[in-house]
Amino acid sequence: MAEWGARHQGWRASLRARLSGPAMLAVLLVVPLFVAGSSTGLLAEASIPLIVGLLVGALVATSIAYTLWGDATSGWRLWRSA
């Protein structure tokens, strides 16, 4: 049971690190650009909350996927590491 708790804490720490890393900085930089582009007419008429929700949702989904399967190296690969 203690082993499961340690793994669970490791998973949480890894997810927290992914969500507070450079990917979140990119989302925080892109959102104001979308807002500015939408208000000036450079972007199509779209709901800003929808766009922000999709960006954050994609960040959370990829962070969870990378946390769960980021070090998976078994099976077929497109390239070989040296």
Protein backbone atom coordinates (compact mmCIF):
# COMPACT_ATOMS: atom_id res chain seq x y z
CA MET A 1 0.00 0.00 0.00
CA ALA A 2 2.87 2.37 0.76
CA GLU A 3 4.30 1.73 -2.71
CA TRP A 4 1.01 2.79 -4.33
CA GLY A 5 0.99 5.98 -2.23
CA ALA A 6 4.53 6.86 -3.31
CA ARG A 7 3.67 6.26 -6.96
CA HIS A 8 0.50 8.32 -6.61
CA GLN A 9 2.44 11.24 -5.10
CA GLY A 10 5.02 10.95 -7.90
CA TRP A 11 2.26 11.14 -10.49
CA ARG A 12 0.80 14.25 -8.88
CA ALA A 13 4.19 15.94 -8.70
CA SER A 14 4.87 15.11 -12.34
CA LEU A 15 1.49 16.48 -13.43
CA ARG A 16 1.96 19.62 -11.36
CA ALA A 17 5.39 20.15 -12.94
CA ARG A 18 3.95 19.72 -16.44
CA LEU A 19 1.10 22.14 -15.80
CA SER A 20 3.38 24.80 -14.35
CA GLY A 21 6.08 24.46 -17.00
CA PRO A 22 6.80 26.26 -20.27
CA ALA A 23 3.64 24.94 -21.93
CA MET A 24 1.51 26.98 -19.53
CA LEU A 25 3.63 30.03 -20.31
CA ALA A 26 2.87 29.53 -24.00
CA VAL A 27 -0.87 29.39 -23.28
CA LEU A 28 -0.62 32.53 -21.15
CA LEU A 29 1.12 34.32 -24.03
CA VAL A 30 -1.22 33.08 -26.76
CA VAL A 31 -4.52 33.94 -25.03
CA PRO A 32 -3.93 37.74 -25.02
CA LEU A 33 -2.89 37.54 -28.66
CA PHE A 34 -6.17 35.82 -29.52
CA VAL A 35 -8.11 38.44 -27.57
CA ALA A 36 -6.27 41.30 -29.30
CA GLY A 37 -6.63 39.66 -32.71
CA SER A 38 -10.33 39.11 -32.21
CA SER A 39 -10.98 42.67 -31.06
CA THR A 40 -9.09 44.15 -34.04
CA GLY A 41 -10.77 41.90 -36.58
CA LEU A 42 -7.67 39.86 -37.47
CA LEU A 43 -9.32 36.65 -36.32
CA ALA A 44 -12.65 35.23 -37.34
CA GLU A 45 -15.71 35.81 -35.20
CA ALA A 46 -15.28 33.19 -32.50
CA SER A 47 -16.07 32.94 -28.85
CA ILE A 48 -12.97 33.86 -26.84
CA PRO A 49 -14.03 31.74 -23.83
CA LEU A 50 -14.39 28.77 -26.20
CA ILE A 51 -10.90 29.31 -27.62
CA VAL A 52 -9.39 29.74 -24.15
CA GLY A 53 -11.22 26.63 -22.95
CA LEU A 54 -9.90 24.61 -25.87
CA LEU A 55 -6.34 25.81 -25.27
CA VAL A 56 -6.46 25.01 -21.56
CA GLY A 57 -8.23 21.70 -22.19
CA ALA A 58 -5.59 20.67 -24.71
CA LEU A 59 -2.84 21.63 -22.25
CA VAL A 60 -4.42 19.58 -19.47
CA ALA A 61 -5.06 16.58 -21.76
CA THR A 62 -1.51 16.50 -23.11
CA SER A 63 -0.07 16.99 -19.62
CA ILE A 64 -2.06 14.04 -18.30
CA ALA A 65 -1.11 11.88 -21.28
CA TYR A 66 2.57 12.74 -20.92
CA THR A 67 2.44 12.11 -17.17
CA LEU A 68 0.90 8.67 -17.72
CA TRP A 69 2.89 7.53 -20.77
CA GLY A 70 5.81 9.95 -21.11
CA ASP A 71 8.55 7.41 -20.47
CA ALA A 72 7.03 4.55 -22.45
CA THR A 73 9.79 3.28 -24.71
CA SER A 74 8.75 -0.25 -25.56
CA GLY A 75 7.53 -1.29 -28.97
CA TRP A 76 8.10 0.05 -32.45
CA ARG A 77 9.74 3.48 -32.83
CA LEU A 78 10.13 5.79 -35.80
CA TRP A 79 13.78 6.40 -34.97
CA ARG A 80 16.36 4.76 -32.78
CA SER A 81 18.14 6.53 -29.95
CA ALA A 82 21.89 6.11 -29.95
